[in-house]
C-alpha atoms as a PDB file:
ATOM      1  CA  MET A   1     -31.201  -9.064   2.866  1.00  0.00           C
ATOM      2  CA  ARG A   2     -31.513  -7.266  -0.460  1.00  0.00           C
ATOM      3  CA  SER A   3     -33.338  -4.303   1.086  1.00  0.00           C
ATOM      4  CA  PHE A   4     -30.654  -3.917   3.755  1.00  0.00           C
ATOM      5  CA  VAL A   5     -27.863  -3.925   1.179  1.00  0.00           C
ATOM      6  CA  GLN A   6     -29.730  -1.372  -0.952  1.00  0.00           C
ATOM      7  CA  TRP A   7     -30.275   0.845   2.091  1.00  0.00           C
ATOM      8  CA  ARG A   8     -26.598   0.478   3.079  1.00  0.00           C
ATOM      9  CA  ASN A   9     -25.433   1.620  -0.352  1.00  0.00           C
ATOM     10  CA  HIS A  10     -27.359   4.887  -0.124  1.00  0.00           C
ATOM     11  CA  CYS A  11     -27.572   5.689   3.614  1.00  0.00           C
ATOM     12  CA  GLY A  12     -24.541   7.988   3.655  1.00  0.00           C
ATOM     13  CA  LEU A  13     -23.215   6.517   6.917  1.00  0.00           C
ATOM     14  CA  SER A  14     -19.576   5.592   7.391  1.00  0.00           C
ATOM     15  CA  ALA A  15     -18.457   2.013   6.708  1.00  0.00           C
ATOM     16  CA  LYS A  16     -17.635   1.479  10.368  1.00  0.00           C
ATOM     17  CA  THR A  17     -21.077   2.658  11.483  1.00  0.00           C
ATOM     18  CA  VAL A  18     -22.812   0.378   8.973  1.00  0.00           C
ATOM     19  CA  ASN A  19     -20.632  -2.575  10.002  1.00  0.00           C
ATOM     20  CA  ASP A  20     -21.473  -1.972  13.666  1.00  0.00           C
ATOM     21  CA  LEU A  21     -25.165  -1.800  12.799  1.00  0.00           C
ATOM     22  CA  LEU A  22     -24.926  -5.064  10.853  1.00  0.00           C
ATOM     23  CA  ALA A  23     -23.235  -6.767  13.810  1.00  0.00           C
ATOM     24  CA  ASN A  24     -25.933  -5.541  16.217  1.00  0.00           C
ATOM     25  CA  LEU A  25     -28.740  -6.663  13.921  1.00  0.00           C
ATOM     26  CA  CYS A  26     -27.193 -10.107  13.514  1.00  0.00           C
ATOM     27  CA  THR A  27     -26.917 -10.442  17.288  1.00  0.00           C
ATOM     28  CA  PHE A  28     -30.580  -9.473  17.627  1.00  0.00           C
ATOM     29  CA  PHE A  29     -31.717 -11.950  14.959  1.00  0.00           C
ATOM     30  CA  ARG A  30     -29.674 -14.755  16.524  1.00  0.00           C
ATOM     31  CA  TRP A  31     -31.470 -14.045  19.802  1.00  0.00           C
ATOM     32  CA  LEU A  32     -34.832 -14.175  18.016  1.00  0.00           C
ATOM     33  CA  VAL A  33     -33.925 -17.539  16.493  1.00  0.00           C
ATOM     34  CA  ALA A  34     -32.794 -18.872  19.882  1.00  0.00           C
ATOM     35  CA  GLN A  35     -36.110 -17.777  21.424  1.00  0.00           C
ATOM     36  CA  GLY A  36     -38.125 -19.400  18.661  1.00  0.00           C
ATOM     37  CA  LEU A  37     -39.407 -16.026  17.482  1.00  0.00           C
ATOM     38  CA  ALA A  38     -37.758 -16.230  14.046  1.00  0.00           C
ATOM     39  CA  GLN A  39     -36.776 -19.089  11.767  1.00  0.00           C
ATOM     40  CA  ALA A  40     -33.489 -17.663  10.507  1.00  0.00           C
ATOM     41  CA  ASN A  41     -31.226 -14.614  10.458  1.00  0.00           C
ATOM     42  CA  PRO A  42     -31.998 -12.849   7.149  1.00  0.00           C
ATOM     43  CA  LEU A  43     -28.665 -10.988   7.316  1.00  0.00           C
ATOM     44  CA  GLU A  44     -26.532 -14.054   7.950  1.00  0.00           C
ATOM     45  CA  HIS A  45     -24.853 -13.958   4.538  1.00  0.00           C
ATOM     46  CA  VAL A  46     -24.421 -10.173   4.291  1.00  0.00           C
ATOM     47  CA  GLU A  47     -20.687  -9.418   4.318  1.00  0.00           C
ATOM     48  CA  ARG A  48     -19.142  -6.528   6.186  1.00  0.00           C
ATOM     49  CA  ILE A  49     -17.773  -3.601   4.201  1.00  0.00           C
ATOM     50  CA  ASP A  50     -14.022  -3.881   3.721  1.00  0.00           C
ATOM     51  CA  THR A  51     -12.569  -0.793   5.445  1.00  0.00           C
ATOM     52  CA  ARG A  52      -8.921  -1.538   4.664  1.00  0.00           C
ATOM     53  CA  GLY A  53      -7.334   1.449   2.993  1.00  0.00           C
ATOM     54  CA  ALA A  54     -10.352   3.640   3.710  1.00  0.00           C
ATOM     55  CA  LYS A  55      -9.634   7.326   4.112  1.00  0.00           C
ATOM     56  CA  GLN A  56     -10.104   9.024   7.440  1.00  0.00           C
ATOM     57  CA  CYS A  57     -13.454  10.796   7.646  1.00  0.00           C
ATOM     58  CA  ARG A  58     -12.442  12.915  10.635  1.00  0.00           C
ATOM     59  CA  ARG A  59      -9.411  15.090  11.297  1.00  0.00           C
ATOM     60  CA  ALA A  60      -7.679  16.317  14.430  1.00  0.00           C
ATOM     61  CA  LEU A  61      -7.438  19.898  15.609  1.00  0.00           C
ATOM     62  CA  SER A  62      -4.052  21.509  15.924  1.00  0.00           C
ATOM     63  CA  ALA A  63      -3.004  22.741  19.375  1.00  0.00           C
ATOM     64  CA  ASN A  64      -3.665  26.296  18.193  1.00  0.00           C
ATOM     65  CA  GLU A  65      -7.161  25.437  16.964  1.00  0.00           C
ATOM     66  CA  ALA A  66      -7.978  23.683  20.244  1.00  0.00           C
ATOM     67  CA  ALA A  67      -6.838  26.745  22.190  1.00  0.00           C
ATOM     68  CA  ARG A  68      -9.049  29.000  20.058  1.00  0.00           C
ATOM     69  CA  LEU A  69     -12.048  26.717  20.592  1.00  0.00           C
ATOM     70  CA  LEU A  70     -11.599  26.811  24.379  1.00  0.00           C
ATOM     71  CA  SER A  71     -11.276  30.598  24.333  1.00  0.00           C
ATOM     72  CA  VAL A  72     -14.452  31.368  22.332  1.00  0.00           C
ATOM     73  CA  ALA A  73     -16.879  28.797  23.828  1.00  0.00           C
ATOM     74  CA  PRO A  74     -19.005  29.708  26.884  1.00  0.00           C
ATOM     75  CA  LEU A  75     -17.758  28.314  30.189  1.00  0.00           C
ATOM     76  CA  GLU A  76     -19.941  25.181  30.388  1.00  0.00           C
ATOM     77  CA  ARG A  77     -19.203  24.100  26.819  1.00  0.00           C
ATOM     78  CA  ALA A  78     -15.533  25.051  27.142  1.00  0.00           C
ATOM     79  CA  MET A  79     -15.215  22.738  30.153  1.00  0.00           C
ATOM     80  CA  ALA A  80     -16.825  19.865  28.223  1.00  0.00           C
ATOM     81  CA  TYR A  81     -14.405  20.485  25.346  1.00  0.00           C
ATOM     82  CA  MET A  82     -11.508  20.730  27.819  1.00  0.00           C
ATOM     83  CA  VAL A  83     -12.250  17.354  29.428  1.00  0.00           C
ATOM     84  CA  ALA A  84     -12.699  15.664  26.046  1.00  0.00           C
ATOM     85  CA  LEU A  85      -9.430  17.106  24.738  1.00  0.00           C
ATOM     86  CA  HIS A  86      -7.468  16.005  27.816  1.00  0.00           C
ATOM     87  CA  THR A  87      -9.031  12.569  28.373  1.00  0.00           C
ATOM     88  CA  GLY A  88     -10.495  11.417  25.065  1.00  0.00           C
ATOM     89  CA  LEU A  89     -13.856  10.775  26.732  1.00  0.00           C
ATOM     90  CA  ARG A  90     -16.678  10.136  24.303  1.00  0.00           C
ATOM     91  CA  ARG A  91     -19.931  12.108  24.333  1.00  0.00           C
ATOM     92  CA  LYS A  92     -21.974   9.458  26.196  1.00  0.00           C
ATOM     93  CA  GLU A  93     -19.157   8.794  28.649  1.00  0.00           C
ATOM     94  CA  LEU A  94     -18.792  12.488  29.419  1.00  0.00           C
ATOM     95  CA  ASN A  95     -22.541  12.827  29.998  1.00  0.00           C
ATOM     96  CA  ALA A  96     -22.425  10.054  32.614  1.00  0.00           C
ATOM     97  CA  MET A  97     -19.361  11.237  34.541  1.00  0.00           C
ATOM     98  CA  GLN A  98     -19.879  12.132  38.226  1.00  0.00           C
ATOM     99  CA  TRP A  99     -17.779  14.453  40.350  1.00  0.00           C
ATOM    100  CA  ASP A 100     -16.515  11.543  42.451  1.00  0.00           C
ATOM    101  CA  PHE A 101     -15.034   9.979  39.312  1.00  0.00           C
ATOM    102  CA  PHE A 102     -12.517  12.849  39.226  1.00  0.00           C
ATOM    103  CA  ALA A 103      -9.805  12.524  41.904  1.00  0.00           C
ATOM    104  CA  LEU A 104      -8.932  16.211  41.822  1.00  0.00           C
ATOM    105  CA  ASP A 105      -7.484  16.531  45.319  1.00  0.00           C
ATOM    106  CA  ALA A 106      -5.220  13.495  45.163  1.00  0.00           C
ATOM    107  CA  ARG A 107      -1.456  13.815  45.044  1.00  0.00           C
ATOM    108  CA  GLU A 108      -1.617  12.576  41.477  1.00  0.00           C
ATOM    109  CA  PRO A 109      -5.014  13.630  40.044  1.00  0.00           C
ATOM    110  CA  SER A 110      -6.774  11.004  37.956  1.00  0.00           C
ATOM    111  CA  VAL A 111     -10.099  10.190  36.357  1.00  0.00           C
ATOM    112  CA  PHE A 112     -11.978   6.932  36.855  1.00  0.00           C
ATOM    113  CA  ILE A 113     -14.155   5.603  34.037  1.00  0.00           C
ATOM    114  CA  PRO A 114     -16.320   2.765  35.430  1.00  0.00           C
ATOM    115  CA  ALA A 115     -17.343  -0.165  33.258  1.00  0.00           C
ATOM    116  CA  ALA A 116     -20.976   0.941  33.397  1.00  0.00           C
ATOM    117  CA  VAL A 117     -19.977   4.200  31.695  1.00  0.00           C
ATOM    118  CA  SER A 118     -17.152   3.089  29.402  1.00  0.00           C
ATOM    119  CA  LYS A 119     -17.894   2.023  25.838  1.00  0.00           C
ATOM    120  CA  ASN A 120     -15.691  -1.075  26.172  1.00  0.00           C
ATOM    121  CA  ARG A 121     -17.384  -2.058  29.471  1.00  0.00           C
ATOM    122  CA  THR A 122     -14.062  -2.089  31.344  1.00  0.00           C
ATOM    123  CA  ASP A 123     -13.018  -0.093  34.414  1.00  0.00           C
ATOM    124  CA  ALA A 124     -10.180   2.336  33.790  1.00  0.00           C
ATOM    125  CA  ARG A 125      -8.321   4.864  35.930  1.00  0.00           C
ATOM    126  CA  LEU A 126      -6.208   7.301  33.959  1.00  0.00           C
ATOM    127  CA  PRO A 127      -3.837  10.058  35.067  1.00  0.00           C
ATOM    128  CA  MET A 128      -5.006  13.626  34.616  1.00  0.00           C
ATOM    129  CA  SER A 129      -2.947  16.498  33.270  1.00  0.00           C
ATOM    130  CA  PRO A 130      -2.181  19.373  35.710  1.00  0.00           C
ATOM    131  CA  GLU A 131      -3.937  21.811  33.365  1.00  0.00           C
ATOM    132  CA  LEU A 132      -7.181  19.823  33.431  1.00  0.00           C
ATOM    133  CA  SER A 133      -7.130  19.202  37.191  1.00  0.00           C
ATOM    134  CA  ARG A 134      -6.667  22.940  37.860  1.00  0.00           C
ATOM    135  CA  ALA A 135      -9.523  23.832  35.502  1.00  0.00           C
ATOM    136  CA  LEU A 136     -11.895  21.273  37.052  1.00  0.00           C
ATOM    137  CA  ARG A 137     -11.106  22.368  40.611  1.00  0.00           C
ATOM    138  CA  ALA A 138     -11.926  25.957  39.653  1.00  0.00           C
ATOM    139  CA  TYR A 139     -15.127  24.861  37.877  1.00  0.00           C
ATOM    140  CA  ARG A 140     -16.362  22.549  40.658  1.00  0.00           C
ATOM    141  CA  PRO A 141     -18.936  24.194  42.988  1.00  0.00           C
ATOM    142  CA  ARG A 142     -17.996  24.540  46.647  1.00  0.00           C
ATOM    143  CA  ASN A 143     -20.982  22.558  47.917  1.00  0.00           C
ATOM    144  CA  PHE A 144     -20.909  19.962  45.160  1.00  0.00           C
ATOM    145  CA  SER A 145     -22.538  16.556  45.416  1.00  0.00           C
ATOM    146  CA  PRO A 146     -20.113  13.682  44.680  1.00  0.00           C
ATOM    147  CA  PHE A 147     -22.880  11.965  42.717  1.00  0.00           C
ATOM    148  CA  ALA A 148     -23.768  14.972  40.573  1.00  0.00           C
ATOM    149  CA  CYS A 149     -23.033  14.719  36.847  1.00  0.00           C
ATOM    150  CA  PRO A 150     -21.430  18.070  35.941  1.00  0.00           C
ATOM    151  CA  PHE A 151     -21.713  17.543  32.185  1.00  0.00           C
ATOM    152  CA  ARG A 152     -25.096  15.865  31.878  1.00  0.00           C
ATOM    153  CA  HIS A 153     -27.197  17.786  29.327  1.00  0.00           C
ATOM    154  CA  ARG A 154     -24.250  20.184  28.939  1.00  0.00           C
ATOM    155  CA  VAL A 155     -22.320  18.334  26.266  1.00  0.00           C
ATOM    156  CA  PRO A 156     -23.158  20.428  23.187  1.00  0.00           C
ATOM    157  CA  ARG A 157     -25.104  19.010  20.280  1.00  0.00           C
ATOM    158  CA  ILE A 158     -23.532  18.880  16.851  1.00  0.00           C
ATOM    159  CA  GLU A 159     -25.207  22.107  15.681  1.00  0.00           C
ATOM    160  CA  THR A 160     -23.742  23.966  18.658  1.00  0.00           C
ATOM    161  CA  VAL A 161     -20.330  22.371  18.163  1.00  0.00           C
ATOM    162  CA  ARG A 162     -20.324  23.585  14.574  1.00  0.00           C
ATOM    163  CA  LYS A 163     -21.148  27.136  15.658  1.00  0.00           C
ATOM    164  CA  ASP A 164     -18.302  27.079  18.186  1.00  0.00           C
ATOM    165  CA  TYR A 165     -15.889  25.752  15.564  1.00  0.00           C
ATOM    166  CA  LEU A 166     -16.837  28.485  13.118  1.00  0.00           C
ATOM    167  CA  ALA A 167     -16.553  31.129  15.849  1.00  0.00           C
ATOM    168  CA  ALA A 168     -13.021  29.848  16.523  1.00  0.00           C
ATOM    169  CA  GLY A 169     -12.151  30.015  12.828  1.00  0.00           C
ATOM    170  CA  ILE A 170     -12.029  26.224  12.466  1.00  0.00           C
ATOM    171  CA  PRO A 171     -13.338  24.916   9.101  1.00  0.00           C
ATOM    172  CA  LEU A 172     -15.926  22.150   9.354  1.00  0.00           C
ATOM    173  CA  ARG A 173     -14.263  20.366   6.411  1.00  0.00           C
ATOM    174  CA  ASP A 174     -10.598  20.442   5.477  1.00  0.00           C
ATOM    175  CA  GLU A 175      -9.081  20.263   1.989  1.00  0.00           C
ATOM    176  CA  GLN A 176      -9.280  16.458   2.120  1.00  0.00           C
ATOM    177  CA  GLY A 177     -12.984  16.515   2.960  1.00  0.00           C
ATOM    178  CA  ARG A 178     -12.474  15.321   6.546  1.00  0.00           C
ATOM    179  CA  ARG A 179     -15.002  16.724   8.987  1.00  0.00           C
ATOM    180  CA  ALA A 180     -14.648  18.337  12.401  1.00  0.00           C
ATOM    181  CA  ASP A 181     -17.239  17.394  15.044  1.00  0.00           C
ATOM    182  CA  PHE A 182     -17.338  16.539  18.745  1.00  0.00           C
ATOM    183  CA  HIS A 183     -15.572  13.198  18.250  1.00  0.00           C
ATOM    184  CA  THR A 184     -12.777  15.192  16.616  1.00  0.00           C
ATOM    185  CA  LEU A 185     -11.713  16.081  20.163  1.00  0.00           C
ATOM    186  CA  ARG A 186     -10.952  12.415  20.868  1.00  0.00           C
ATOM    187  CA  VAL A 187      -8.939  12.174  17.641  1.00  0.00           C
ATOM    188  CA  THR A 188      -7.117  15.334  18.714  1.00  0.00           C
ATOM    189  CA  PHE A 189      -6.303  13.785  22.102  1.00  0.00           C
ATOM    190  CA  GLY A 190      -4.607  10.780  20.510  1.00  0.00           C
ATOM    191  CA  THR A 191      -2.877  12.788  17.784  1.00  0.00           C
ATOM    192  CA  LEU A 192      -1.414  15.399  20.149  1.00  0.00           C
ATOM    193  CA  LEU A 193      -0.056  12.661  22.414  1.00  0.00           C
ATOM    194  CA  LEU A 194       1.686  10.919  19.514  1.00  0.00           C
ATOM    195  CA  ALA A 195       2.925  14.240  18.122  1.00  0.00           C
ATOM    196  CA  SER A 196       4.442  14.991  21.543  1.00  0.00           C
ATOM    197  CA  GLY A 197       6.517  11.812  21.402  1.00  0.00           C
ATOM    198  CA  VAL A 198       4.375   9.587  23.646  1.00  0.00           C
ATOM    199  CA  HIS A 199       4.893   5.908  22.837  1.00  0.00           C
ATOM    200  CA  PRO A 200       2.000   4.440  20.781  1.00  0.00           C
ATOM    201  CA  SER A 201       1.433   1.698  23.380  1.00  0.00           C
ATOM    202  CA  VAL A 202       0.951   4.351  26.061  1.00  0.00           C
ATOM    203  CA  VAL A 203      -1.452   6.277  23.831  1.00  0.00           C
ATOM    204  CA  GLN A 204      -3.373   3.045  23.232  1.00  0.00           C
ATOM    205  CA  GLN A 205      -3.866   2.597  26.987  1.00  0.00           C
ATOM    206  CA  LEU A 206      -4.846   6.228  27.521  1.00  0.00           C
ATOM    207  CA  MET A 207      -7.438   5.962  24.754  1.00  0.00           C
ATOM    208  CA  ARG A 208      -8.636   2.582  26.072  1.00  0.00           C
ATOM    209  CA  HIS A 209      -8.272   0.823  22.719  1.00  0.00           C
ATOM    210  CA  SER A 210      -8.065  -2.961  22.505  1.00  0.00           C
ATOM    211  CA  ASP A 211      -6.080  -2.827  19.259  1.00  0.00           C
ATOM    212  CA  ILE A 212      -3.128  -0.486  18.697  1.00  0.00           C
ATOM    213  CA  ARG A 213      -4.002  -0.316  15.001  1.00  0.00           C
ATOM    214  CA  LEU A 214      -7.147   1.569  15.962  1.00  0.00           C
ATOM    215  CA  THR A 215      -4.975   4.082  17.804  1.00  0.00           C
ATOM    216  CA  THR A 216      -2.389   4.585  15.107  1.00  0.00           C
ATOM    217  CA  ARG A 217      -4.690   4.494  12.075  1.00  0.00           C
ATOM    218  CA  LEU A 218      -8.187   5.803  12.795  1.00  0.00           C
ATOM    219  CA  TYR A 219      -7.309   8.026  15.745  1.00  0.00           C
ATOM    220  CA  THR A 220      -4.098   9.566  14.456  1.00  0.00           C
ATOM    221  CA  ASP A 221      -4.104  12.479  12.040  1.00  0.00           C
ATOM    222  CA  ALA A 222      -0.754  11.967  10.304  1.00  0.00           C
ATOM    223  CA  SER A 223      -0.824  15.515   8.939  1.00  0.00           C
ATOM    224  CA  GLN A 224      -0.401  16.789  12.515  1.00  0.00           C
ATOM    225  CA  LEU A 225       2.652  14.666  13.309  1.00  0.00           C
ATOM    226  CA  PRO A 226       6.112  16.348  13.461  1.00  0.00           C
ATOM    227  CA  LEU A 227       7.706  14.402  10.619  1.00  0.00           C
ATOM    228  CA  ALA A 228      10.644  16.807  10.221  1.00  0.00           C
ATOM    229  CA  ALA A 229      11.389  16.640  13.950  1.00  0.00           C
ATOM    230  CA  GLY A 230      11.317  12.851  13.726  1.00  0.00           C
ATOM    231  CA  ILE A 231      13.870  12.847  10.905  1.00  0.00           C
ATOM    232  CA  ALA A 232      16.037  15.267  12.914  1.00  0.00           C
ATOM    233  CA  LYS A 233      16.309  12.614  15.651  1.00  0.00           C
ATOM    234  CA  MET A 234      17.983  10.126  13.309  1.00  0.00           C
ATOM    235  CA  PRO A 235      21.400   9.174  14.727  1.00  0.00           C
ATOM    236  CA  ALA A 236      24.586   9.817  12.753  1.00  0.00           C
ATOM    237  CA  LEU A 237      25.526   6.745  10.737  1.00  0.00           C
ATOM    238  CA  THR A 238      29.073   7.668   9.671  1.00  0.00           C
ATOM    239  CA  GLN A 239      31.976   9.956  10.550  1.00  0.00           C
ATOM    240  CA  ARG A 240      32.958  10.470   6.932  1.00  0.00           C
ATOM    241  CA  LYS A 241      33.443  14.082   5.865  1.00  0.00           C
ATOM    242  CA  TRP A 242      31.366  14.725   2.770  1.00  0.00           C
ATOM    243  CA  SER A 243      32.462  17.488   0.395  1.00  0.00           C
ATOM    244  CA  GLU A 244      31.765  18.821  -3.075  1.00  0.00           C
ATOM    245  CA  ASP A 245      35.190  17.548  -4.201  1.00  0.00           C
ATOM    246  CA  ASP A 246      34.067  13.969  -3.474  1.00  0.00           C
ATOM    247  CA  THR A 247      31.013  14.447  -5.643  1.00  0.00           C
ATOM    248  CA  GLN A 248      33.077  15.843  -8.543  1.00  0.00           C
ATOM    249  CA  LYS A 249      35.562  12.970  -8.321  1.00  0.00           C
ATOM    250  CA  ASP A 250      32.746  10.410  -8.344  1.00  0.00           C
ATOM    251  CA  THR A 251      31.232  12.079 -11.387  1.00  0.00           C
ATOM    252  CA  GLN A 252      34.549  11.977 -13.253  1.00  0.00           C
ATOM    253  CA  VAL A 253      35.061   8.300 -12.378  1.00  0.00           C
ATOM    254  CA  GLU A 254      31.535   7.412 -13.565  1.00  0.00           C
ATOM    255  CA  ALA A 255      32.117   9.271 -16.843  1.00  0.00           C
ATOM    256  CA  ALA A 256      35.430   7.479 -17.429  1.00  0.00           C
ATOM    257  CA  ASN A 257      33.836   4.120 -16.697  1.00  0.00           C
ATOM    258  CA  GLY A 258      31.040   4.933 -19.128  1.00  0.00           C
ATOM    259  CA  ARG A 259      33.499   5.744 -21.934  1.00  0.00           C
ATOM    260  CA  ALA A 260      35.446   2.549 -21.255  1.00  0.00           C
ATOM    261  CA  ALA A 261      32.292   0.472 -21.396  1.00  0.00           C
ATOM    262  CA  SER A 262      31.250   2.081 -24.696  1.00  0.00           C
ATOM    263  CA  SER A 263      34.623   1.308 -26.259  1.00  0.00           C
ATOM    264  CA  ALA A 264      34.440  -2.304 -25.133  1.00  0.00           C
ATOM    265  CA  VAL A 265      30.998  -2.747 -26.705  1.00  0.00           C
ATOM    266  CA  ALA A 266      32.086  -1.149 -29.989  1.00  0.00           C
ATOM    267  CA  SER A 267      35.200  -3.307 -30.339  1.00  0.00           C
ATOM    268  CA  SER A 268      33.220  -6.488 -29.743  1.00  0.00           C
ATOM    269  CA  HIS A 269      31.659  -6.306 -33.238  1.00  0.00           C
ATOM    270  CA  PRO A 270      33.662  -8.007 -36.020  1.00  0.00           C
ATOM    271  CA  ASN A 271      33.774  -4.795 -38.042  1.00  0.00           C
ATOM    272  CA  GLY A 272      34.176  -2.563 -35.022  1.00  0.00           C
ATOM    273  CA  ILE A 273      30.785  -0.936 -35.883  1.00  0.00           C
ATOM    274  CA  LEU A 274      27.837  -0.684 -33.563  1.00  0.00           C
ATOM    275  CA  GLN A 275      24.571  -1.777 -35.060  1.00  0.00           C
ATOM    276  CA  SER A 276      21.115  -1.177 -33.636  1.00  0.00           C
ATOM    277  CA  ALA A 277      19.032  -4.246 -32.813  1.00  0.00           C
END
């Protein structure tokens, strides 16, 4: 237990990653105990790291940055980026996708993520944007096999992603220290949807999250949200006509009230003299 905690304190991994690793190890040790291969779980009393209030370690790309990335990357990598930006598919999910999972010729194009591929082990069919369906139809070979995986071994590694970001003029770290990597594309997907006015519950379903707090906290870059536009949508609350004259009158009334209050306090002393406490 002590060695694991010491390693955790210096491993440099995110709190979420370490918590996931702890959960997996505990599951493994419980299986060993059940099989009679171990006497106890040595990590049973190790507590998870409290991630409440933790800062985001990853940012979203702006729409302009995403467009630059798609324009500078070679075709195969650009298509992988395009699908991730429009669907939120994770790296492993994208690697396992087959052509027959994309309903490109349907009246309403969609993408099917089977449970065997999805991280949450649940089937999902999600609508596809017209821009993505057009791009995939153009990219799909004429004599394609429905069972072929168009992105297998074509999803770029982190070193290549970094080179493409730099070529597009996208900093790998922002002023808050948040990084940009492949998973940034999934954060961008959720953030752009929310910034476009899509209801958070809809974004949660599109991102296949079980908890909406995951959608609105970890997968939303608040710095990309149109806060001013949101304030502009506030309804009018009164029909009163405000003017500078009203402000001047209020100021005069407050001053008069202040003088009256001062006189009342002064006259309350037997000698009519204010004394400091």
